[in-house]
Amino acid sequence: MSRKIGIIGMGSVGSAIAHGLIAQGVADDYVFINRGEAKAVANQLDFEDAMANLETHANITINDWSALADADVVISTLGNMAMQQNNPMGDRFAELKFTSSMVTSVGTDLKNSGFTGVLIVISNPVDVITTLFKDVTGLPASHVVGTGTLLDTARMQRIVGAKLNIDPRSVSGYNLGEHGNTQFVAWSTVRALGQPMEKLAAVRDLDLAEINDQARKGGFDIVNGKGFTSYGVATSAIRIAKAVMSDAREELVLSNLRPEYEAYLSYPAIIGREGVVEQCQLDLTDAELEKLNASHAFIAEQYREVRATL
């Protein structure tokens, strides 16, 4: 059986995802969906020009929703770059009206295609939009996930790694909650150099509150510099897609629907061929659990408000 991945939206993020997937040979077949067909065609031709210099081959179909029926994974990158660029306060909910208005049509087209695989959502505000996609597509909640704080966790790992002069992959732990302003680093889960981060911070004189703030704001530092983010979130989506495609059963922190909550938020889960195949359970402190519940309450309120308008 061929491996197939669909990408909805071929802007900066969608193109970065496509490049990463094709260069790594993650799938055999790709479906590019884009409102402007010229961009989809251009990307197809650009990747076909690259084929002779790649180690693997990829077949590319453009703007054919029916081709998604047997896709293993579909990645939605719906968004509005202008809204990112004109959002200096870093409020991802500034994109909610635009992205939520597109979920109904895109989600319906995806449902009508017969797609039954795993949907990975990037669009901001990702937790609300992922919840809406689950509603519109009718897919099982386990088959719909968002990139969530997998990216914010990577930013935390980068910052901590730089301060300790170690590779970010040598820092473990999680940012939890909303991929937005109510997220937080769950310091009780973070370890580096074989030590709990809170203990290590006291020895190394690290300001954990400052690191938390830097991780939360990191995306907008990038937007202010180049006008958009792309590689970090693209790599997050690729990592999730690879876990699904290989049935890796890998523990990843990402936006998923836990049974105790109404809306999606980021919390670690085991990811495999069927999406979320098992829920994880962290031993959070009372203060961290309070922050998580507050983050969910904010997401859920925004979800209820926009759901009522669709």
C-alpha atoms as a PDB file:
ATOM      1  CA  MET A   1       0.000   0.000   0.000  1.00  0.00           C
ATOM      2  CA  SER A   2       1.225   3.474  -0.808  1.00  0.00           C
ATOM      3  CA  ARG A   3       1.618   6.022   1.949  1.00  0.00           C
ATOM      4  CA  LYS A   4      -0.331   9.217   1.343  1.00  0.00           C
ATOM      5  CA  ILE A   5      -0.393  12.644   3.012  1.00  0.00           C
ATOM      6  CA  GLY A   6      -2.609  15.598   2.163  1.00  0.00           C
ATOM      7  CA  ILE A   7      -1.711  19.232   2.871  1.00  0.00           C
ATOM      8  CA  ILE A   8      -4.438  21.872   2.926  1.00  0.00           C
ATOM      9  CA  GLY A   9      -2.963  25.328   2.343  1.00  0.00           C
ATOM     10  CA  MET A  10       0.281  25.788   0.416  1.00  0.00           C
ATOM     11  CA  GLY A  11       1.506  29.009   1.983  1.00  0.00           C
ATOM     12  CA  SER A  12       4.776  29.385   3.878  1.00  0.00           C
ATOM     13  CA  VAL A  13       3.912  26.718   6.446  1.00  0.00           C
ATOM     14  CA  GLY A  14       2.311  24.250   4.046  1.00  0.00           C
ATOM     15  CA  SER A  15       5.250  24.520   1.663  1.00  0.00           C
ATOM     16  CA  ALA A  16       7.753  24.019   4.494  1.00  0.00           C
ATOM     17  CA  ILE A  17       5.844  20.919   5.592  1.00  0.00           C
ATOM     18  CA  ALA A  18       5.760  19.558   2.063  1.00  0.00           C
ATOM     19  CA  HIS A  19       9.484  20.105   1.634  1.00  0.00           C
ATOM     20  CA  GLY A  20      10.332  18.389   4.905  1.00  0.00           C
ATOM     21  CA  LEU A  21       8.103  15.407   4.225  1.00  0.00           C
ATOM     22  CA  ILE A  22       9.219  14.935   0.613  1.00  0.00           C
ATOM     23  CA  ALA A  23      12.924  15.403   1.382  1.00  0.00           C
ATOM     24  CA  GLN A  24      12.693  12.776   4.134  1.00  0.00           C
ATOM     25  CA  GLY A  25      10.666  10.345   2.012  1.00  0.00           C
ATOM     26  CA  VAL A  26       7.896  10.115   4.608  1.00  0.00           C
ATOM     27  CA  ALA A  27       5.173   9.269   2.057  1.00  0.00           C
ATOM     28  CA  ASP A  28       4.848   8.099  -1.540  1.00  0.00           C
ATOM     29  CA  ASP A  29       1.878  10.247  -2.548  1.00  0.00           C
ATOM     30  CA  TYR A  30       0.922  13.818  -1.676  1.00  0.00           C
ATOM     31  CA  VAL A  31      -2.208  15.851  -2.283  1.00  0.00           C
ATOM     32  CA  PHE A  32      -1.826  19.644  -2.291  1.00  0.00           C
ATOM     33  CA  ILE A  33      -5.042  21.601  -1.690  1.00  0.00           C
ATOM     34  CA  ASN A  34      -4.947  25.375  -2.135  1.00  0.00           C
ATOM     35  CA  ARG A  35      -7.560  28.048  -2.897  1.00  0.00           C
ATOM     36  CA  GLY A  36      -5.325  29.552  -5.573  1.00  0.00           C
ATOM     37  CA  GLU A  37      -4.591  26.715  -7.972  1.00  0.00           C
ATOM     38  CA  ALA A  38      -1.632  28.554  -9.529  1.00  0.00           C
ATOM     39  CA  LYS A  39       0.328  28.289  -6.281  1.00  0.00           C
ATOM     40  CA  ALA A  40      -0.492  24.589  -5.960  1.00  0.00           C
ATOM     41  CA  VAL A  41       0.679  23.991  -9.547  1.00  0.00           C
ATOM     42  CA  ALA A  42       3.834  26.019  -8.963  1.00  0.00           C
ATOM     43  CA  ASN A  43       4.680  24.001  -5.860  1.00  0.00           C
ATOM     44  CA  GLN A  44       4.048  20.764  -7.715  1.00  0.00           C
ATOM     45  CA  LEU A  45       6.406  21.797 -10.513  1.00  0.00           C
ATOM     46  CA  ASP A  46       9.024  23.047  -8.066  1.00  0.00           C
ATOM     47  CA  PHE A  47       9.065  19.714  -6.226  1.00  0.00           C
ATOM     48  CA  GLU A  48       9.131  17.791  -9.498  1.00  0.00           C
ATOM     49  CA  ASP A  49      12.229  19.815 -10.439  1.00  0.00           C
ATOM     50  CA  ALA A  50      13.772  18.613  -7.186  1.00  0.00           C
ATOM     51  CA  MET A  51      13.082  14.911  -7.815  1.00  0.00           C
ATOM     52  CA  ALA A  52      16.237  14.197  -9.770  1.00  0.00           C
ATOM     53  CA  ASN A  53      18.316  15.339  -6.804  1.00  0.00           C
ATOM     54  CA  LEU A  54      16.348  13.499  -4.122  1.00  0.00           C
ATOM     55  CA  GLU A  55      16.918   9.981  -2.847  1.00  0.00           C
ATOM     56  CA  THR A  56      13.199   9.161  -2.968  1.00  0.00           C
ATOM     57  CA  HIS A  57      10.315   9.751  -5.372  1.00  0.00           C
ATOM     58  CA  ALA A  58       6.979  11.414  -4.614  1.00  0.00           C
ATOM     59  CA  ASN A  59       3.766  11.577  -6.644  1.00  0.00           C
ATOM     60  CA  ILE A  60       1.860  14.855  -6.300  1.00  0.00           C
ATOM     61  CA  THR A  61      -1.830  15.530  -6.996  1.00  0.00           C
ATOM     62  CA  ILE A  62      -3.308  19.021  -6.741  1.00  0.00           C
ATOM     63  CA  ASN A  63      -6.758  20.269  -5.685  1.00  0.00           C
ATOM     64  CA  ASP A  64      -8.486  16.889  -5.818  1.00  0.00           C
ATOM     65  CA  TRP A  65     -10.458  16.405  -2.613  1.00  0.00           C
ATOM     66  CA  SER A  66     -11.461  12.873  -3.637  1.00  0.00           C
ATOM     67  CA  ALA A  67      -7.776  11.910  -3.596  1.00  0.00           C
ATOM     68  CA  LEU A  68      -7.823  12.376   0.197  1.00  0.00           C
ATOM     69  CA  ALA A  69     -10.191   9.425   0.686  1.00  0.00           C
ATOM     70  CA  ASP A  70      -7.341   6.985   1.305  1.00  0.00           C
ATOM     71  CA  ALA A  71      -4.837   9.431   2.814  1.00  0.00           C
ATOM     72  CA  ASP A  72      -3.164   8.323   6.028  1.00  0.00           C
ATOM     73  CA  VAL A  73      -2.727  11.899   7.249  1.00  0.00           C
ATOM     74  CA  VAL A  74      -4.098  15.310   6.303  1.00  0.00           C
ATOM     75  CA  ILE A  75      -2.434  18.467   7.622  1.00  0.00           C
ATOM     76  CA  SER A  76      -4.479  21.679   7.693  1.00  0.00           C
ATOM     77  CA  THR A  77      -2.500  24.945   7.590  1.00  0.00           C
ATOM     78  CA  LEU A  78      -5.385  27.391   7.108  1.00  0.00           C
ATOM     79  CA  GLY A  79      -4.359  30.873   8.153  1.00  0.00           C
ATOM     80  CA  ASN A  80      -3.989  34.527   7.310  1.00  0.00           C
ATOM     81  CA  MET A  81      -0.408  35.793   7.151  1.00  0.00           C
ATOM     82  CA  ALA A  82      -1.504  39.433   7.169  1.00  0.00           C
ATOM     83  CA  MET A  83      -3.207  38.896  10.518  1.00  0.00           C
ATOM     84  CA  GLN A  84       0.019  37.458  11.936  1.00  0.00           C
ATOM     85  CA  GLN A  85       2.026  40.406  10.694  1.00  0.00           C
ATOM     86  CA  ASN A  86      -0.427  42.994  12.086  1.00  0.00           C
ATOM     87  CA  ASN A  87      -0.639  41.399  15.511  1.00  0.00           C
ATOM     88  CA  PRO A  88       2.151  42.910  17.651  1.00  0.00           C
ATOM     89  CA  MET A  89       0.458  41.916  20.935  1.00  0.00           C
ATOM     90  CA  GLY A  90       0.830  38.235  20.103  1.00  0.00           C
ATOM     91  CA  ASP A  91      -2.853  37.308  20.368  1.00  0.00           C
ATOM     92  CA  ARG A  92      -3.491  34.179  18.289  1.00  0.00           C
ATOM     93  CA  PHE A  93      -7.236  34.698  18.740  1.00  0.00           C
ATOM     94  CA  ALA A  94      -6.946  37.615  16.338  1.00  0.00           C
ATOM     95  CA  GLU A  95      -7.143  34.947  13.598  1.00  0.00           C
ATOM     96  CA  LEU A  96     -10.202  33.176  15.040  1.00  0.00           C
ATOM     97  CA  LYS A  97     -12.872  34.887  12.914  1.00  0.00           C
ATOM     98  CA  PHE A  98     -10.971  34.158   9.690  1.00  0.00           C
ATOM     99  CA  THR A  99      -9.943  30.569  10.402  1.00  0.00           C
ATOM    100  CA  SER A 100     -13.232  29.514  12.006  1.00  0.00           C
ATOM    101  CA  SER A 101     -15.118  30.810   8.961  1.00  0.00           C
ATOM    102  CA  MET A 102     -13.091  28.438   6.787  1.00  0.00           C
ATOM    103  CA  VAL A 103     -13.462  25.357   8.989  1.00  0.00           C
ATOM    104  CA  THR A 104     -17.042  24.662   7.964  1.00  0.00           C
ATOM    105  CA  SER A 105     -16.334  24.525   4.222  1.00  0.00           C
ATOM    106  CA  VAL A 106     -12.931  22.850   4.464  1.00  0.00           C
ATOM    107  CA  GLY A 107     -14.086  20.386   7.121  1.00  0.00           C
ATOM    108  CA  THR A 108     -17.165  19.532   5.071  1.00  0.00           C
ATOM    109  CA  ASP A 109     -15.085  18.988   1.927  1.00  0.00           C
ATOM    110  CA  LEU A 110     -12.762  16.748   3.925  1.00  0.00           C
ATOM    111  CA  LYS A 111     -15.693  14.787   5.352  1.00  0.00           C
ATOM    112  CA  ASN A 112     -17.265  14.375   1.907  1.00  0.00           C
ATOM    113  CA  SER A 113     -13.974  13.088   0.497  1.00  0.00           C
ATOM    114  CA  GLY A 114     -14.349   9.959   2.629  1.00  0.00           C
ATOM    115  CA  PHE A 115     -11.164  10.680   4.610  1.00  0.00           C
ATOM    116  CA  THR A 116     -10.867   8.503   7.727  1.00  0.00           C
ATOM    117  CA  GLY A 117      -7.203   9.027   8.626  1.00  0.00           C
ATOM    118  CA  VAL A 118      -5.588  11.375  11.131  1.00  0.00           C
ATOM    119  CA  LEU A 119      -6.072  15.134  10.792  1.00  0.00           C
ATOM    120  CA  ILE A 120      -3.281  17.383  12.093  1.00  0.00           C
ATOM    121  CA  VAL A 121      -4.339  21.009  12.591  1.00  0.00           C
ATOM    122  CA  ILE A 122      -1.965  23.994  12.701  1.00  0.00           C
ATOM    123  CA  SER A 123      -4.351  26.932  12.190  1.00  0.00           C
ATOM    124  CA  ASN A 124      -4.530  29.533  14.981  1.00  0.00           C
ATOM    125  CA  PRO A 125      -6.003  29.624  17.540  1.00  0.00           C
ATOM    126  CA  VAL A 126      -5.157  25.952  17.197  1.00  0.00           C
ATOM    127  CA  ASP A 127      -6.994  24.526  20.213  1.00  0.00           C
ATOM    128  CA  VAL A 128     -10.344  26.081  19.264  1.00  0.00           C
ATOM    129  CA  ILE A 129      -9.900  25.356  15.553  1.00  0.00           C
ATOM    130  CA  THR A 130      -8.953  21.729  16.240  1.00  0.00           C
ATOM    131  CA  THR A 131     -12.084  21.323  18.367  1.00  0.00           C
ATOM    132  CA  LEU A 132     -14.183  22.792  15.545  1.00  0.00           C
ATOM    133  CA  PHE A 133     -12.583  20.499  12.962  1.00  0.00           C
ATOM    134  CA  LYS A 134     -13.518  17.513  15.116  1.00  0.00           C
ATOM    135  CA  ASP A 135     -17.129  18.723  15.184  1.00  0.00           C
ATOM    136  CA  VAL A 136     -17.416  19.447  11.453  1.00  0.00           C
ATOM    137  CA  THR A 137     -15.589  16.381  10.088  1.00  0.00           C
ATOM    138  CA  GLY A 138     -17.261  13.917  12.428  1.00  0.00           C
ATOM    139  CA  LEU A 139     -13.917  12.154  12.834  1.00  0.00           C
ATOM    140  CA  PRO A 140     -13.243  10.443  16.169  1.00  0.00           C
ATOM    141  CA  ALA A 141     -11.551  12.816  18.613  1.00  0.00           C
ATOM    142  CA  SER A 142      -8.545  10.482  18.647  1.00  0.00           C
ATOM    143  CA  HIS A 143      -8.099  11.092  14.894  1.00  0.00           C
ATOM    144  CA  VAL A 144      -7.993  14.889  15.209  1.00  0.00           C
ATOM    145  CA  VAL A 145      -5.011  16.596  16.857  1.00  0.00           C
ATOM    146  CA  GLY A 146      -3.351  19.994  16.775  1.00  0.00           C
ATOM    147  CA  THR A 147       0.344  20.838  16.870  1.00  0.00           C
ATOM    148  CA  GLY A 148      -0.371  22.785  20.055  1.00  0.00           C
ATOM    149  CA  THR A 149       2.494  23.304  22.478  1.00  0.00           C
ATOM    150  CA  LEU A 150       4.807  20.812  20.800  1.00  0.00           C
ATOM    151  CA  LEU A 151       6.292  23.963  19.251  1.00  0.00           C
ATOM    152  CA  ASP A 152       6.256  25.975  22.494  1.00  0.00           C
ATOM    153  CA  THR A 153       7.920  23.063  24.282  1.00  0.00           C
ATOM    154  CA  ALA A 154      10.637  23.087  21.619  1.00  0.00           C
ATOM    155  CA  ARG A 155      11.126  26.808  22.265  1.00  0.00           C
ATOM    156  CA  MET A 156      11.475  26.124  25.985  1.00  0.00           C
ATOM    157  CA  GLN A 157      14.010  23.374  25.223  1.00  0.00           C
ATOM    158  CA  ARG A 158      15.951  25.769  22.980  1.00  0.00           C
ATOM    159  CA  ILE A 159      16.107  28.464  25.660  1.00  0.00           C
ATOM    160  CA  VAL A 160      17.020  26.116  28.506  1.00  0.00           C
ATOM    161  CA  GLY A 161      19.542  24.334  26.311  1.00  0.00           C
ATOM    162  CA  ALA A 162      21.214  27.620  25.400  1.00  0.00           C
ATOM    163  CA  LYS A 163      21.454  28.653  29.048  1.00  0.00           C
ATOM    164  CA  LEU A 164      22.987  25.306  30.022  1.00  0.00           C
ATOM    165  CA  ASN A 165      25.094  24.985  26.839  1.00  0.00           C
ATOM    166  CA  ILE A 166      23.512  21.649  25.901  1.00  0.00           C
ATOM    167  CA  ASP A 167      21.508  20.375  22.928  1.00  0.00           C
ATOM    168  CA  PRO A 168      17.793  21.208  23.271  1.00  0.00           C
ATOM    169  CA  ARG A 169      17.015  17.513  22.819  1.00  0.00           C
ATOM    170  CA  SER A 170      18.787  16.931  26.138  1.00  0.00           C
ATOM    171  CA  VAL A 171      16.068  18.928  27.903  1.00  0.00           C
ATOM    172  CA  SER A 172      12.862  17.024  28.665  1.00  0.00           C
ATOM    173  CA  GLY A 173       9.500  18.291  29.879  1.00  0.00           C
ATOM    174  CA  TYR A 174       6.440  20.123  28.656  1.00  0.00           C
ATOM    175  CA  ASN A 175       4.645  23.376  28.002  1.00  0.00           C
ATOM    176  CA  LEU A 176       0.958  22.696  28.629  1.00  0.00           C
ATOM    177  CA  GLY A 177      -2.458  24.186  27.924  1.00  0.00           C
ATOM    178  CA  GLU A 178      -3.282  26.644  25.173  1.00  0.00           C
ATOM    179  CA  HIS A 179      -0.960  27.313  22.272  1.00  0.00           C
ATOM    180  CA  GLY A 180      -1.294  30.958  23.212  1.00  0.00           C
ATOM    181  CA  ASN A 181      -1.058  33.378  26.074  1.00  0.00           C
ATOM    182  CA  THR A 182      -2.420  31.080  28.820  1.00  0.00           C
ATOM    183  CA  GLN A 183       0.139  28.332  28.202  1.00  0.00           C
ATOM    184  CA  PHE A 184       2.801  27.616  30.815  1.00  0.00           C
ATOM    185  CA  VAL A 185       5.922  25.545  31.358  1.00  0.00           C
ATOM    186  CA  ALA A 186       5.120  22.716  33.763  1.00  0.00           C
ATOM    187  CA  TRP A 187       8.461  22.944  35.538  1.00  0.00           C
ATOM    188  CA  SER A 188       7.751  19.855  37.622  1.00  0.00           C
ATOM    189  CA  THR A 189       8.065  17.845  34.378  1.00  0.00           C
ATOM    190  CA  VAL A 190      11.291  19.451  33.127  1.00  0.00           C
ATOM    191  CA  ARG A 191      14.698  17.819  33.586  1.00  0.00           C
ATOM    192  CA  ALA A 192      18.200  18.543  32.274  1.00  0.00           C
ATOM    193  CA  LEU A 193      21.660  17.258  33.133  1.00  0.00           C
ATOM    194  CA  GLY A 194      19.958  14.462  35.068  1.00  0.00           C
ATOM    195  CA  GLN A 195      18.359  16.929  37.485  1.00  0.00           C
ATOM    196  CA  PRO A 196      14.874  18.339  38.049  1.00  0.00           C
ATOM    197  CA  MET A 197      14.836  21.784  36.466  1.00  0.00           C
ATOM    198  CA  GLU A 198      13.611  23.577  39.577  1.00  0.00           C
ATOM    199  CA  LYS A 199      16.570  22.198  41.550  1.00  0.00           C
ATOM    200  CA  LEU A 200      19.007  22.940  38.729  1.00  0.00           C
ATOM    201  CA  ALA A 201      17.705  26.483  38.332  1.00  0.00           C
ATOM    202  CA  ALA A 202      18.619  27.293  41.932  1.00  0.00           C
ATOM    203  CA  VAL A 203      22.165  26.011  41.419  1.00  0.00           C
ATOM    204  CA  ARG A 204      22.638  27.723  38.029  1.00  0.00           C
ATOM    205  CA  ASP A 205      20.774  30.920  38.975  1.00  0.00           C
ATOM    206  CA  LEU A 206      18.184  30.605  36.212  1.00  0.00           C
ATOM    207  CA  ASP A 207      15.027  32.705  36.161  1.00  0.00           C
ATOM    208  CA  LEU A 208      12.279  30.198  35.356  1.00  0.00           C
ATOM    209  CA  ALA A 209       9.588  32.876  35.095  1.00  0.00           C
ATOM    210  CA  GLU A 210      11.657  34.670  32.464  1.00  0.00           C
ATOM    211  CA  ILE A 211      12.202  31.444  30.509  1.00  0.00           C
ATOM    212  CA  ASN A 212       8.446  30.734  30.635  1.00  0.00           C
ATOM    213  CA  ASP A 213       7.752  34.203  29.238  1.00  0.00           C
ATOM    214  CA  GLN A 214      10.362  33.870  26.494  1.00  0.00           C
ATOM    215  CA  ALA A 215       8.946  30.514  25.383  1.00  0.00           C
ATOM    216  CA  ARG A 216       5.413  31.937  25.299  1.00  0.00           C
ATOM    217  CA  LYS A 217       6.437  34.964  23.226  1.00  0.00           C
ATOM    218  CA  GLY A 218       9.017  33.238  21.018  1.00  0.00           C
ATOM    219  CA  GLY A 219       6.806  32.944  17.957  1.00  0.00           C
ATOM    220  CA  PHE A 220       6.146  36.653  17.780  1.00  0.00           C
ATOM    221  CA  ASP A 221       9.844  37.452  17.951  1.00  0.00           C
ATOM    222  CA  ILE A 222      10.084  35.458  14.714  1.00  0.00           C
ATOM    223  CA  VAL A 223       7.030  37.108  13.143  1.00  0.00           C
ATOM    224  CA  ASN A 224       8.413  40.554  13.944  1.00  0.00           C
ATOM    225  CA  GLY A 225      11.677  39.612  12.244  1.00  0.00           C
ATOM    226  CA  LYS A 226      10.539  37.884   9.057  1.00  0.00           C
ATOM    227  CA  GLY A 227       6.773  38.383   8.909  1.00  0.00           C
ATOM    228  CA  PHE A 228       5.687  34.812   9.666  1.00  0.00           C
ATOM    229  CA  THR A 229       6.736  31.583  11.349  1.00  0.00           C
ATOM    230  CA  SER A 230       7.226  28.430   9.325  1.00  0.00           C
ATOM    231  CA  TYR A 231      10.061  25.990  10.053  1.00  0.00           C
ATOM    232  CA  GLY A 232       9.407  25.406  13.752  1.00  0.00           C
ATOM    233  CA  VAL A 233       5.708  24.650  13.401  1.00  0.00           C
ATOM    234  CA  ALA A 234       6.280  22.730  10.156  1.00  0.00           C
ATOM    235  CA  THR A 235       8.760  20.466  11.912  1.00  0.00           C
ATOM    236  CA  SER A 236       6.268  19.925  14.735  1.00  0.00           C
ATOM    237  CA  ALA A 237       3.615  18.815  12.238  1.00  0.00           C
ATOM    238  CA  ILE A 238       6.105  16.570  10.451  1.00  0.00           C
ATOM    239  CA  ARG A 239       7.082  14.893  13.718  1.00  0.00           C
ATOM    240  CA  ILE A 240       3.440  14.116  14.492  1.00  0.00           C
ATOM    241  CA  ALA A 241       2.833  12.883  10.933  1.00  0.00           C
ATOM    242  CA  LYS A 242       5.848  10.567  11.106  1.00  0.00           C
ATOM    243  CA  ALA A 243       4.620   9.124  14.421  1.00  0.00           C
ATOM    244  CA  VAL A 244       1.281   8.348  12.768  1.00  0.00           C
ATOM    245  CA  MET A 245       2.723   6.983   9.531  1.00  0.00           C
ATOM    246  CA  SER A 246       5.119   4.630  11.320  1.00  0.00           C
ATOM    247  CA  ASP A 247       2.711   3.727  14.138  1.00  0.00           C
ATOM    248  CA  ALA A 248       5.491   4.825  16.472  1.00  0.00           C
ATOM    249  CA  ARG A 249       3.386   5.052  19.666  1.00  0.00           C
ATOM    250  CA  GLU A 250       5.514   8.058  20.605  1.00  0.00           C
ATOM    251  CA  GLU A 251       4.772  10.299  23.581  1.00  0.00           C
ATOM    252  CA  LEU A 252       4.217  13.812  22.258  1.00  0.00           C
ATOM    253  CA  VAL A 253       2.755  16.925  23.823  1.00  0.00           C
ATOM    254  CA  LEU A 254       0.119  18.207  21.408  1.00  0.00           C
ATOM    255  CA  SER A 255      -3.426  19.533  21.315  1.00  0.00           C
ATOM    256  CA  ASN A 256      -5.806  16.662  22.011  1.00  0.00           C
ATOM    257  CA  LEU A 257      -9.190  16.114  23.625  1.00  0.00           C
ATOM    258  CA  ARG A 258      -8.960  14.654  27.101  1.00  0.00           C
ATOM    259  CA  PRO A 259     -12.106  13.082  28.591  1.00  0.00           C
ATOM    260  CA  GLU A 260     -12.265  15.551  31.483  1.00  0.00           C
ATOM    261  CA  TYR A 261     -12.294  18.591  29.195  1.00  0.00           C
ATOM    262  CA  GLU A 262     -14.764  20.147  26.741  1.00  0.00           C
ATOM    263  CA  ALA A 263     -12.209  21.568  24.315  1.00  0.00           C
ATOM    264  CA  TYR A 264      -8.775  20.631  23.037  1.00  0.00           C
ATOM    265  CA  LEU A 265      -5.608  21.667  24.860  1.00  0.00           C
ATOM    266  CA  SER A 266      -2.014  20.481  24.912  1.00  0.00           C
ATOM    267  CA  TYR A 267      -1.112  17.569  27.144  1.00  0.00           C
ATOM    268  CA  PRO A 268       1.144  14.589  26.370  1.00  0.00           C
ATOM    269  CA  ALA A 269      -0.401  11.579  24.628  1.00  0.00           C
ATOM    270  CA  ILE A 270       0.806   8.445  22.868  1.00  0.00           C
ATOM    271  CA  ILE A 271       0.586   8.899  19.083  1.00  0.00           C
ATOM    272  CA  GLY A 272       0.369   6.066  16.573  1.00  0.00           C
ATOM    273  CA  ARG A 273      -1.455   4.902  13.459  1.00  0.00           C
ATOM    274  CA  GLU A 274      -4.875   5.728  14.936  1.00  0.00           C
ATOM    275  CA  GLY A 275      -3.830   9.131  16.244  1.00  0.00           C
ATOM    276  CA  VAL A 276      -4.123   9.332  20.032  1.00  0.00           C
ATOM    277  CA  VAL A 277      -3.856   5.690  21.059  1.00  0.00           C
ATOM    278  CA  GLU A 278      -3.407   6.299  24.790  1.00  0.00           C
ATOM    279  CA  GLN A 279      -3.688   9.215  27.194  1.00  0.00           C
ATOM    280  CA  CYS A 280      -0.806  10.106  29.499  1.00  0.00           C
ATOM    281  CA  GLN A 281      -1.218  11.261  33.074  1.00  0.00           C
ATOM    282  CA  LEU A 282       1.217  13.740  34.641  1.00  0.00           C
ATOM    283  CA  ASP A 283       1.717  14.266  38.358  1.00  0.00           C
ATOM    284  CA  LEU A 284       1.325  18.032  38.235  1.00  0.00           C
ATOM    285  CA  THR A 285       1.572  20.296  41.245  1.00  0.00           C
ATOM    286  CA  ASP A 286      -1.594  21.930  42.520  1.00  0.00           C
ATOM    287  CA  ALA A 287      -0.435  25.262  41.086  1.00  0.00           C
ATOM    288  CA  GLU A 288       0.212  23.705  37.654  1.00  0.00           C
ATOM    289  CA  LEU A 289      -3.161  21.954  37.632  1.00  0.00           C
ATOM    290  CA  GLU A 290      -4.812  25.260  38.459  1.00  0.00           C
ATOM    291  CA  LYS A 291      -3.038  26.897  35.508  1.00  0.00           C
ATOM    292  CA  LEU A 292      -4.089  24.035  33.219  1.00  0.00           C
ATOM    293  CA  ASN A 293      -7.726  24.287  34.242  1.00  0.00           C
ATOM    294  CA  ALA A 294      -7.657  28.070  33.805  1.00  0.00           C
ATOM    295  CA  SER A 295      -6.163  27.654  30.324  1.00  0.00           C
ATOM    296  CA  HIS A 296      -8.895  25.170  29.402  1.00  0.00           C
ATOM    297  CA  ALA A 297     -11.605  27.478  30.740  1.00  0.00           C
ATOM    298  CA  PHE A 298     -10.352  30.234  28.444  1.00  0.00           C
ATOM    299  CA  ILE A 299     -10.207  27.940  25.392  1.00  0.00           C
ATOM    300  CA  ALA A 300     -13.634  26.449  26.137  1.00  0.00           C
ATOM    301  CA  GLU A 301     -15.280  29.872  26.436  1.00  0.00           C
ATOM    302  CA  GLN A 302     -13.843  30.962  23.088  1.00  0.00           C
ATOM    303  CA  TYR A 303     -14.929  27.653  21.548  1.00  0.00           C
ATOM    304  CA  ARG A 304     -18.517  27.990  22.795  1.00  0.00           C
ATOM    305  CA  GLU A 305     -18.762  31.540  21.481  1.00  0.00           C
ATOM    306  CA  VAL A 306     -17.548  30.750  17.985  1.00  0.00           C
ATOM    307  CA  ARG A 307     -19.427  27.419  17.823  1.00  0.00           C
ATOM    308  CA  ALA A 308     -22.677  29.294  18.371  1.00  0.00           C
ATOM    309  CA  THR A 309     -22.045  31.362  15.235  1.00  0.00           C
ATOM    310  CA  LEU A 310     -21.395  28.448  12.868  1.00  0.00           C
END
